[in-house]
């Protein structure tokens, strides 16, 4: 499968990832990074190792929910 590197984002909506929360956003959401994409994860704190599901992805950042 060929991928156009200039417009591809390394994560897709609906996918599940294991991440570590690295920072906290101004709004209080945890921040994880998958390659160069910042992912905001509500209900987490720095150091949490969590499984997340990508809910919405934009060119440079996205939003995820915790997977129980």
PDB file of N, CA and C in Angstrom:
ATOM      1  N   UNK A   1       0.841  -1.174   0.000  1.00  0.00           N
ATOM      2  CA  UNK A   1       0.000   0.000   0.000  1.00  0.00           C
ATOM      3  C   UNK A   1       0.889   1.240   0.000  1.00  0.00           C
ATOM      4  N   UNK A   2       0.678   2.139  -0.905  1.00  0.00           N
ATOM      5  CA  UNK A   2       1.441   3.372  -0.980  1.00  0.00           C
ATOM      6  C   UNK A   2       0.776   4.437  -0.135  1.00  0.00           C
ATOM      7  N   UNK A   3       1.599   5.176   0.585  1.00  0.00           N
ATOM      8  CA  UNK A   3       1.091   6.243   1.441  1.00  0.00           C
ATOM      9  C   UNK A   3       1.779   7.533   1.037  1.00  0.00           C
ATOM     10  N   UNK A   4       1.017   8.583   0.861  1.00  0.00           N
ATOM     11  CA  UNK A   4       1.568   9.897   0.579  1.00  0.00           C
ATOM     12  C   UNK A   4       2.086  10.482   1.884  1.00  0.00           C
ATOM     13  N   UNK A   5       3.410  10.461   2.062  1.00  0.00           N
ATOM     14  CA  UNK A   5       4.025  10.887   3.318  1.00  0.00           C
ATOM     15  C   UNK A   5       3.711  12.344   3.657  1.00  0.00           C
ATOM     16  N   UNK A   6       3.505  13.189   2.664  1.00  0.00           N
ATOM     17  CA  UNK A   6       3.293  14.601   2.933  1.00  0.00           C
ATOM     18  C   UNK A   6       1.937  14.878   3.581  1.00  0.00           C
ATOM     19  N   UNK A   7       0.968  13.999   3.391  1.00  0.00           N
ATOM     20  CA  UNK A   7      -0.351  14.262   3.956  1.00  0.00           C
ATOM     21  C   UNK A   7      -0.802  13.193   4.946  1.00  0.00           C
ATOM     22  N   UNK A   8       0.051  12.209   5.205  1.00  0.00           N
ATOM     23  CA  UNK A   8      -0.378  11.130   6.097  1.00  0.00           C
ATOM     24  C   UNK A   8      -0.119  11.487   7.553  1.00  0.00           C
ATOM     25  N   UNK A   9      -0.993  11.027   8.402  1.00  0.00           N
ATOM     26  CA  UNK A   9      -0.850  11.180   9.845  1.00  0.00           C
ATOM     27  C   UNK A   9      -0.627   9.771  10.381  1.00  0.00           C
ATOM     28  N   UNK A  10       0.341   9.589  11.315  1.00  0.00           N
ATOM     29  CA  UNK A  10       0.696   8.231  11.750  1.00  0.00           C
ATOM     30  C   UNK A  10      -0.325   7.545  12.651  1.00  0.00           C
ATOM     31  N   UNK A  11      -1.430   8.204  12.961  1.00  0.00           N
ATOM     32  CA  UNK A  11      -2.485   7.577  13.756  1.00  0.00           C
ATOM     33  C   UNK A  11      -3.808   7.742  13.033  1.00  0.00           C
ATOM     34  N   UNK A  12      -4.737   6.835  13.309  1.00  0.00           N
ATOM     35  CA  UNK A  12      -6.046   6.876  12.647  1.00  0.00           C
ATOM     36  C   UNK A  12      -7.156   6.800  13.691  1.00  0.00           C
ATOM     37  N   UNK A  13      -8.268   7.443  13.380  1.00  0.00           N
ATOM     38  CA  UNK A  13      -9.426   7.395  14.273  1.00  0.00           C
ATOM     39  C   UNK A  13      -9.870   5.950  14.448  1.00  0.00           C
ATOM     40  N   UNK A  14     -10.219   5.600  15.685  1.00  0.00           N
ATOM     41  CA  UNK A  14     -10.694   4.259  15.990  1.00  0.00           C
ATOM     42  C   UNK A  14      -9.599   3.296  16.413  1.00  0.00           C
ATOM     43  N   UNK A  15      -8.328   3.629  16.176  1.00  0.00           N
ATOM     44  CA  UNK A  15      -7.238   2.738  16.562  1.00  0.00           C
ATOM     45  C   UNK A  15      -6.955   2.857  18.057  1.00  0.00           C
ATOM     46  N   UNK A  16      -6.385   1.792  18.626  1.00  0.00           N
ATOM     47  CA  UNK A  16      -6.074   1.729  20.057  1.00  0.00           C
ATOM     48  C   UNK A  16      -4.553   1.695  20.217  1.00  0.00           C
ATOM     49  N   UNK A  17      -4.051   2.462  21.168  1.00  0.00           N
ATOM     50  CA  UNK A  17      -2.613   2.544  21.427  1.00  0.00           C
ATOM     51  C   UNK A  17      -2.350   2.482  22.924  1.00  0.00           C
ATOM     52  N   UNK A  18      -1.184   1.957  23.296  1.00  0.00           N
ATOM     53  CA  UNK A  18      -0.692   2.032  24.667  1.00  0.00           C
ATOM     54  C   UNK A  18       0.285   3.199  24.715  1.00  0.00           C
ATOM     55  N   UNK A  19       0.046   4.149  25.608  1.00  0.00           N
ATOM     56  CA  UNK A  19       0.861   5.361  25.686  1.00  0.00           C
ATOM     57  C   UNK A  19       1.178   5.707  27.135  1.00  0.00           C
ATOM     58  N   UNK A  20       2.161   6.575  27.305  1.00  0.00           N
ATOM     59  CA  UNK A  20       2.478   7.153  28.606  1.00  0.00           C
ATOM     60  C   UNK A  20       2.171   8.643  28.527  1.00  0.00           C
ATOM     61  N   UNK A  21       1.462   9.141  29.520  1.00  0.00           N
ATOM     62  CA  UNK A  21       1.120  10.559  29.557  1.00  0.00           C
ATOM     63  C   UNK A  21       2.383  11.337  29.947  1.00  0.00           C
ATOM     64  N   UNK A  22       2.752  12.296  29.096  1.00  0.00           N
ATOM     65  CA  UNK A  22       4.016  13.007  29.266  1.00  0.00           C
ATOM     66  C   UNK A  22       3.861  14.409  29.830  1.00  0.00           C
ATOM     67  N   UNK A  23       2.677  14.984  29.702  1.00  0.00           N
ATOM     68  CA  UNK A  23       2.499  16.380  30.096  1.00  0.00           C
ATOM     69  C   UNK A  23       1.014  16.622  30.356  1.00  0.00           C
ATOM     70  N   UNK A  24       0.695  17.813  30.849  1.00  0.00           N
ATOM     71  CA  UNK A  24      -0.699  18.204  31.090  1.00  0.00           C
ATOM     72  C   UNK A  24      -0.978  19.488  30.310  1.00  0.00           C
ATOM     73  N   UNK A  25      -2.090  19.507  29.584  1.00  0.00           N
ATOM     74  CA  UNK A  25      -2.497  20.688  28.821  1.00  0.00           C
ATOM     75  C   UNK A  25      -3.086  21.736  29.752  1.00  0.00           C
ATOM     76  N   UNK A  26      -3.212  22.953  29.250  1.00  0.00           N
ATOM     77  CA  UNK A  26      -3.797  24.041  30.058  1.00  0.00           C
ATOM     78  C   UNK A  26      -5.181  23.681  30.559  1.00  0.00           C
ATOM     79  N   UNK A  27      -5.943  22.938  29.754  1.00  0.00           N
ATOM     80  CA  UNK A  27      -7.307  22.574  30.137  1.00  0.00           C
ATOM     81  C   UNK A  27      -7.342  21.396  31.109  1.00  0.00           C
ATOM     82  N   UNK A  28      -6.177  20.816  31.410  1.00  0.00           N
ATOM     83  CA  UNK A  28      -6.115  19.729  32.373  1.00  0.00           C
ATOM     84  C   UNK A  28      -6.067  18.341  31.772  1.00  0.00           C
ATOM     85  N   UNK A  29      -6.201  18.223  30.450  1.00  0.00           N
ATOM     86  CA  UNK A  29      -6.111  16.914  29.804  1.00  0.00           C
ATOM     87  C   UNK A  29      -4.658  16.442  29.786  1.00  0.00           C
ATOM     88  N   UNK A  30      -4.476  15.121  29.883  1.00  0.00           N
ATOM     89  CA  UNK A  30      -3.148  14.556  29.727  1.00  0.00           C
ATOM     90  C   UNK A  30      -2.719  14.645  28.269  1.00  0.00           C
ATOM     91  N   UNK A  31      -1.402  14.718  28.063  1.00  0.00           N
ATOM     92  CA  UNK A  31      -0.856  14.766  26.717  1.00  0.00           C
ATOM     93  C   UNK A  31       0.059  13.570  26.503  1.00  0.00           C
ATOM     94  N   UNK A  32      -0.230  12.827  25.445  1.00  0.00           N
ATOM     95  CA  UNK A  32       0.644  11.743  24.999  1.00  0.00           C
ATOM     96  C   UNK A  32       1.116  12.107  23.602  1.00  0.00           C
ATOM     97  N   UNK A  33       2.204  11.487  23.159  1.00  0.00           N
ATOM     98  CA  UNK A  33       2.680  11.715  21.796  1.00  0.00           C
ATOM     99  C   UNK A  33       2.834  10.379  21.099  1.00  0.00           C
ATOM    100  N   UNK A  34       2.309  10.309  19.890  1.00  0.00           N
ATOM    101  CA  UNK A  34       2.493   9.142  19.025  1.00  0.00           C
ATOM    102  C   UNK A  34       3.205   9.681  17.796  1.00  0.00           C
ATOM    103  N   UNK A  35       4.486   9.318  17.675  1.00  0.00           N
ATOM    104  CA  UNK A  35       5.370   9.925  16.679  1.00  0.00           C
ATOM    105  C   UNK A  35       5.313  11.434  16.886  1.00  0.00           C
ATOM    106  N   UNK A  36       4.965  12.226  15.902  1.00  0.00           N
ATOM    107  CA  UNK A  36       4.982  13.682  16.081  1.00  0.00           C
ATOM    108  C   UNK A  36       3.611  14.254  16.428  1.00  0.00           C
ATOM    109  N   UNK A  37       2.627  13.392  16.649  1.00  0.00           N
ATOM    110  CA  UNK A  37       1.256  13.855  16.875  1.00  0.00           C
ATOM    111  C   UNK A  37       0.960  13.927  18.376  1.00  0.00           C
ATOM    112  N   UNK A  38       0.499  15.093  18.821  1.00  0.00           N
ATOM    113  CA  UNK A  38       0.089  15.289  20.217  1.00  0.00           C
ATOM    114  C   UNK A  38      -1.334  14.751  20.351  1.00  0.00           C
ATOM    115  N   UNK A  39      -1.546  13.934  21.383  1.00  0.00           N
ATOM    116  CA  UNK A  39      -2.870  13.362  21.638  1.00  0.00           C
ATOM    117  C   UNK A  39      -3.327  13.817  23.028  1.00  0.00           C
ATOM    118  N   UNK A  40      -4.494  14.444  23.086  1.00  0.00           N
ATOM    119  CA  UNK A  40      -5.070  14.887  24.358  1.00  0.00           C
ATOM    120  C   UNK A  40      -5.948  13.772  24.921  1.00  0.00           C
ATOM    121  N   UNK A  41      -5.702  13.441  26.204  1.00  0.00           N
ATOM    122  CA  UNK A  41      -6.417  12.335  26.847  1.00  0.00           C
ATOM    123  C   UNK A  41      -7.003  12.816  28.169  1.00  0.00           C
ATOM    124  N   UNK A  42      -8.324  13.081  28.220  1.00  0.00           N
ATOM    125  CA  UNK A  42      -8.949  13.525  29.475  1.00  0.00           C
ATOM    126  C   UNK A  42      -8.858  12.462  30.569  1.00  0.00           C
ATOM    127  N   UNK A  43      -8.807  12.920  31.802  1.00  0.00           N
ATOM    128  CA  UNK A  43      -8.851  12.017  32.945  1.00  0.00           C
ATOM    129  C   UNK A  43      -7.540  11.313  33.234  1.00  0.00           C
ATOM    130  N   UNK A  44      -6.425  11.876  32.792  1.00  0.00           N
ATOM    131  CA  UNK A  44      -5.122  11.253  33.042  1.00  0.00           C
ATOM    132  C   UNK A  44      -4.175  12.276  33.654  1.00  0.00           C
ATOM    133  N   UNK A  45      -3.061  11.763  34.197  1.00  0.00           N
ATOM    134  CA  UNK A  45      -2.042  12.645  34.764  1.00  0.00           C
ATOM    135  C   UNK A  45      -0.664  12.171  34.297  1.00  0.00           C
ATOM    136  N   UNK A  46       0.321  13.028  34.461  1.00  0.00           N
ATOM    137  CA  UNK A  46       1.682  12.721  34.020  1.00  0.00           C
ATOM    138  C   UNK A  46       2.152  11.403  34.631  1.00  0.00           C
ATOM    139  N   UNK A  47       2.728  10.549  33.810  1.00  0.00           N
ATOM    140  CA  UNK A  47       3.253   9.260  34.261  1.00  0.00           C
ATOM    141  C   UNK A  47       2.281   8.108  34.097  1.00  0.00           C
ATOM    142  N   UNK A  48       1.009   8.394  33.867  1.00  0.00           N
ATOM    143  CA  UNK A  48       0.042   7.315  33.671  1.00  0.00           C
ATOM    144  C   UNK A  48       0.397   6.526  32.403  1.00  0.00           C
ATOM    145  N   UNK A  49       0.372   5.210  32.501  1.00  0.00           N
ATOM    146  CA  UNK A  49       0.520   4.340  31.336  1.00  0.00           C
ATOM    147  C   UNK A  49      -0.863   3.795  31.041  1.00  0.00           C
ATOM    148  N   UNK A  50      -1.425   4.207  29.912  1.00  0.00           N
ATOM    149  CA  UNK A  50      -2.828   3.923  29.629  1.00  0.00           C
ATOM    150  C   UNK A  50      -3.020   3.401  28.214  1.00  0.00           C
ATOM    151  N   UNK A  51      -4.140   2.753  28.008  1.00  0.00           N
ATOM    152  CA  UNK A  51      -4.560   2.333  26.670  1.00  0.00           C
ATOM    153  C   UNK A  51      -5.630   3.322  26.221  1.00  0.00           C
ATOM    154  N   UNK A  52      -5.435   3.876  25.023  1.00  0.00           N
ATOM    155  CA  UNK A  52      -6.353   4.896  24.523  1.00  0.00           C
ATOM    156  C   UNK A  52      -6.921   4.498  23.171  1.00  0.00           C
ATOM    157  N   UNK A  53      -8.084   5.063  22.875  1.00  0.00           N
ATOM    158  CA  UNK A  53      -8.707   4.909  21.554  1.00  0.00           C
ATOM    159  C   UNK A  53      -8.787   6.296  20.938  1.00  0.00           C
ATOM    160  N   UNK A  54      -8.272   6.441  19.721  1.00  0.00           N
ATOM    161  CA  UNK A  54      -8.288   7.723  19.032  1.00  0.00           C
ATOM    162  C   UNK A  54      -9.723   8.029  18.601  1.00  0.00           C
ATOM    163  N   UNK A  55     -10.237   9.154  19.066  1.00  0.00           N
ATOM    164  CA  UNK A  55     -11.611   9.559  18.755  1.00  0.00           C
ATOM    165  C   UNK A  55     -11.666  10.532  17.579  1.00  0.00           C
ATOM    166  N   UNK A  56     -10.698  11.465  17.537  1.00  0.00           N
ATOM    167  CA  UNK A  56     -10.673  12.463  16.464  1.00  0.00           C
ATOM    168  C   UNK A  56      -9.223  12.823  16.193  1.00  0.00           C
ATOM    169  N   UNK A  57      -8.854  12.887  14.927  1.00  0.00           N
ATOM    170  CA  UNK A  57      -7.481  13.219  14.572  1.00  0.00           C
ATOM    171  C   UNK A  57      -7.471  14.378  13.585  1.00  0.00           C
ATOM    172  N   UNK A  58      -6.604  15.333  13.845  1.00  0.00           N
ATOM    173  CA  UNK A  58      -6.400  16.493  12.991  1.00  0.00           C
ATOM    174  C   UNK A  58      -4.941  16.443  12.515  1.00  0.00           C
ATOM    175  N   UNK A  59      -4.511  17.333  11.633  1.00  0.00           N
ATOM    176  CA  UNK A  59      -3.152  17.207  11.078  1.00  0.00           C
ATOM    177  C   UNK A  59      -2.016  17.154  12.107  1.00  0.00           C
ATOM    178  N   UNK A  60      -2.105  17.899  13.206  1.00  0.00           N
ATOM    179  CA  UNK A  60      -0.990  17.916  14.162  1.00  0.00           C
ATOM    180  C   UNK A  60      -1.343  17.437  15.562  1.00  0.00           C
ATOM    181  N   UNK A  61      -2.601  17.217  15.823  1.00  0.00           N
ATOM    182  CA  UNK A  61      -2.999  16.730  17.148  1.00  0.00           C
ATOM    183  C   UNK A  61      -4.300  15.951  17.037  1.00  0.00           C
ATOM    184  N   UNK A  62      -4.618  15.273  18.157  1.00  0.00           N
ATOM    185  CA  UNK A  62      -5.840  14.483  18.167  1.00  0.00           C
ATOM    186  C   UNK A  62      -6.391  14.373  19.577  1.00  0.00           C
ATOM    187  N   UNK A  63      -7.527  13.703  19.670  1.00  0.00           N
ATOM    188  CA  UNK A  63      -8.208  13.506  20.944  1.00  0.00           C
ATOM    189  C   UNK A  63      -8.486  12.028  21.103  1.00  0.00           C
ATOM    190  N   UNK A  64      -8.342  11.542  22.336  1.00  0.00           N
ATOM    191  CA  UNK A  64      -8.543  10.118  22.590  1.00  0.00           C
ATOM    192  C   UNK A  64      -9.314   9.928  23.882  1.00  0.00           C
ATOM    193  N   UNK A  65      -9.873   8.734  24.030  1.00  0.00           N
ATOM    194  CA  UNK A  65     -10.541   8.356  25.274  1.00  0.00           C
ATOM    195  C   UNK A  65      -9.823   7.160  25.855  1.00  0.00           C
ATOM    196  N   UNK A  66      -9.985   6.985  27.161  1.00  0.00           N
ATOM    197  CA  UNK A  66      -9.379   5.826  27.826  1.00  0.00           C
ATOM    198  C   UNK A  66     -10.146   4.563  27.456  1.00  0.00           C
ATOM    199  N   UNK A  67      -9.404   3.476  27.271  1.00  0.00           N
ATOM    200  CA  UNK A  67     -10.010   2.161  27.038  1.00  0.00           C
ATOM    201  C   UNK A  67      -9.964   1.443  28.383  1.00  0.00           C
ATOM    202  N   UNK A  68     -11.091   0.942  28.825  1.00  0.00           N
ATOM    203  CA  UNK A  68     -11.151   0.266  30.136  1.00  0.00           C
ATOM    204  C   UNK A  68     -10.808  -1.192  30.008  1.00  0.00           C
TER     205      UNK A  68
END
